[in-house]
Amino acid sequence: MTLDEKIRHIHGHYGPDNSTGYVRPLERLEIPDVKMADGPVGVRQGTATAFPVGLSQASMWDEELMEEFGRALASEAKAKDQAVMYAPAFNIGRVSVAGRNFEYFGEDPYLASRMAVTTVNAIQSEDVIATAKHYVVNNQETDRMAVSAEIDERPLREIYLPAHKAAVEEADVGSVMAAHNRVNGTYCCENEYLLSDILKDEWDFDGYVISDFDANHSTVASAKAGLDLDMRNLPPRGTSYWGPPLRTAVEAGLVSEEIIDEKVRRILGQLDRFGLLEGRNLPEEGVANIERHQRLARQIAEEGGVLLKNEGDELPLALDNIDSIAVIGPEAKRAHAGGGGSSDVSPPYTVSPVQGIRNRVNDQATVQWAPGTPLADAVALAAASDVAIVVVDGSSSEGADRENIRLDGNQDQMISAVADVNASTSVVLRTGGPVTMPWISDVPAVLEMWYPGMEDGNATASILFGDVNPSGKLPMTFAKKRSDYPAEINPRQYPGIAGRAHYDEGIYVGYRHFDERNIEPLFPFGHGESFTTFNYSNLRVTPSEVDINKQTITLNVDVTNVGDRTGEEIVQVYVHDHFASVDRPVKGLAEFTKIHLESGETKTVELTLDADALSFYDVEEEDWVVEAGRYSVLIGRSSRDIRLLNSFEVTRGSHPSQVPESLPQQPTTPAVDGSRTDDATVFTSGQTNQIDLSIRATTDVTVRDRIPAGWAVIGGDSHEVYTDSGARYIEFDEPIADGTRTYFIEAPVSSENSGTYTFGPIEYVSDDSSWRTIPETADDDVVVGVDTSL
């Protein structure tokens, strides 16, 4: 191979036949051309199946279905004669308004890792090269071509690199795409520490590194840093840093030919690995736009739909009791298949919510649509209908971040106005990330469908009318207000100042931040309602003492479907480190599984935790470390809905010297969950009522409950009643980790005291001596009835 041929083979550009990327053939050597296609949710080349976006996929928490998706994606790529897919995409959702959040798998590195590994394995099982993107710390669209992510080593390793590491080490991904941005001042495409030291040397990556289009800004620096394939808009659309300039650099001795040889070896090695040097006919091996793939797109949308709220079992809608349905929203007659930018797919058809609802209802009820403008028409239609379904959108696209996390236009006002005249109002969200909901207390049901692909309306209707029992869980935290997110506290962190975005929040991204700062979210990470009810019991952890160098931890938990419908549940496992030599999150997702349960059925779920589930990155050791000490396992339906808790002891950590006595450990912030139960829905003046506070914590905590002024505490577990900052509390004397605290309270006897009172929220305190609230433990439904016999 001549030097010209070598350089030609490592320089790509936009291709023929609408291929996103293209490497020209080397006819003399009978090396075929290489066609590459976007993207992560469908083949962006001609007409193809438009699958739901990454957030929808991640909301399934379903590795088996992700495998089906990856295989279908690869099959469609082959049908389009594409040898390489620019997929999967799995940047971490650091910024709530990031324009490409919809493409990715959310805020948690472990969830993103599992989705990424499964997708890569599935794509490559069909002999199509997968491309893991975007490497790395590529978390905003604002100034994305040049912004420098100023980040410390520990958050880099613990939050932003794990999914890439897993794609390389577990799935042997063939290609990694270097991002546009800079990291700590150096562009990713010329960042030797990221491309060579970590990716190729530490992780033993044997594939090739490809640049994002026009992301390379140098000739010598990028060639020597570890970039292997430069994707470039050819002049006059772009500036070429490789091609002739690289040949000149080699001839001048600035870049050795051995470096060029290594790049060619990496690319040819992957082409050979997947049989792409054999001149095979890819279109004959794949299929696109087939009914099976379209059914899969619908199933992913259905299982990725997250039922955020379902007060009073508003959903599913029962057509036996409904004659008229109002569907309201300016975009309800249009499918929202995906977001904007390079992931956009052209499907053979789409199904809008209005069409999907009409398909499902048929002639069992009338379905009428109003766009919401003028608002008075929509309100009149809602008032005249049995139920109202408000479909609202939030637009997202590559190239620009959202201005805020509110719904577009006047949609918040539209929801409130409709809910004012129709108590049976359900809201369907189609958004590319979290949004605020100032109307949340006004509507009984909210369903998040993200961007649900080409089968949008059919999938939405399946959930609304109960053909599918929703099982999706949030891969991102929904905050009550934008300033609750860690990276959006000041412009230094986002969008950055003078071209530098400082990742000052460190490891506290997403729910980790909400836990650490004790901020109550609107809806927590991992949240999602079902049409049935699941009970958790009998958590066993074995062994109770473990040498992490030799053993793993086995968890067994019983899950029972106590409702009257078949359903699927996602069992989430979080780990809490009681004592650590560094700051650690209150809890972190360590494992999960999705199970199917018939009504009344119980299954024993078994999960395994290894050293990775307990470790943190030790900057001084330059390695992952598990410290000896006590750890708790928290089993929950979300990061804030913890059902069971147990603990175990690591007797020896990942280094022989690490025994409990030798570590400079400090207590970490405990993980605490709780609930309140009272023995009456209506409190009658002068009568005694029992209040039980159920507490689950990773360590002993002191608990107090806020009680209405003027009410008399007349007994219970040992306690003290006092006033603090104008509020009245009952505080229990004995700390508690897992159990119940009980007190008895009496409403004052007076007709003037009839009304609604608030109990809680429950608060706790541990070693840090500051009171923290347990979210969602305030009770605003205590009604005092006057005893008329007095």
Foldseek 3Di string as FASTA:
>chain_A
DDPLVLLQQQEWEQDPQRFRIKRCADVVVLFHIAGEADDAQAGAGPAFFGFFAQQLLLLLLALVLLLVRLQQRLQVCLLSVHQEYADDEAAAAFAQQAQQLRRHNYHALVSRQSSRQSNQQSNCVLLHAYEYDDPWPQHHLVVSQEFEEEFDDFLCVHGICNSVLSCCQVRLHQEYEYGRYHYNRHGRLLALCRQPVPQCPVSVRLHAYEYDEQSDDAQLSNLVSGHQHYYYHDPPVTDDRGNVVNVVCCVVVSDPVVSSVSSSCRHVVSCVVSVVSVPDRSSVRHDGQDPVVNVSSLVSLLQSKFWQFAAPNLPQDDLVPFAEEEEEAQCQQPALADAADSNDHRHPAAAGQQRQQCVVCVNSHYYDYDHCVVVVVSQVRLLPGQAYEYEFEAHGYRNHTDPFQATPDCSLVSQQSSLVRHQSYEYEYAYSGAHARPCVVSHRIYMYSHRRHRHRNNSVNCGNNVVAWHATFRSFFHANGSCLRDQVVDCCQPPRDPSYHYPVVRNCGTVLSCQVVQPFGPGHGLDGDTSWDKAKDDWDWPPQEAALVPDKIKIKIKMWTQGQAKDKAKKWKWKAAFKDLDADGQIHTFDIDMDTYGHGDMDIDMDIGHLVRQWGQDPVVRGIKHAWAKMKMFIASGLQGTRDMDMHTYQAMPDNVRGPVPGPIDGYDKDKAKAKDKDDLEAEAPDKIKIKIWMAIPDWKKKKKWDDPPKDWDDWAAWDWDDDPRTIMTTHDGTDHGGMTMTMIHHHADPVPFDWDKMDQMWIDDDVPDIHGRPPHIDGRYGYHHDVVD
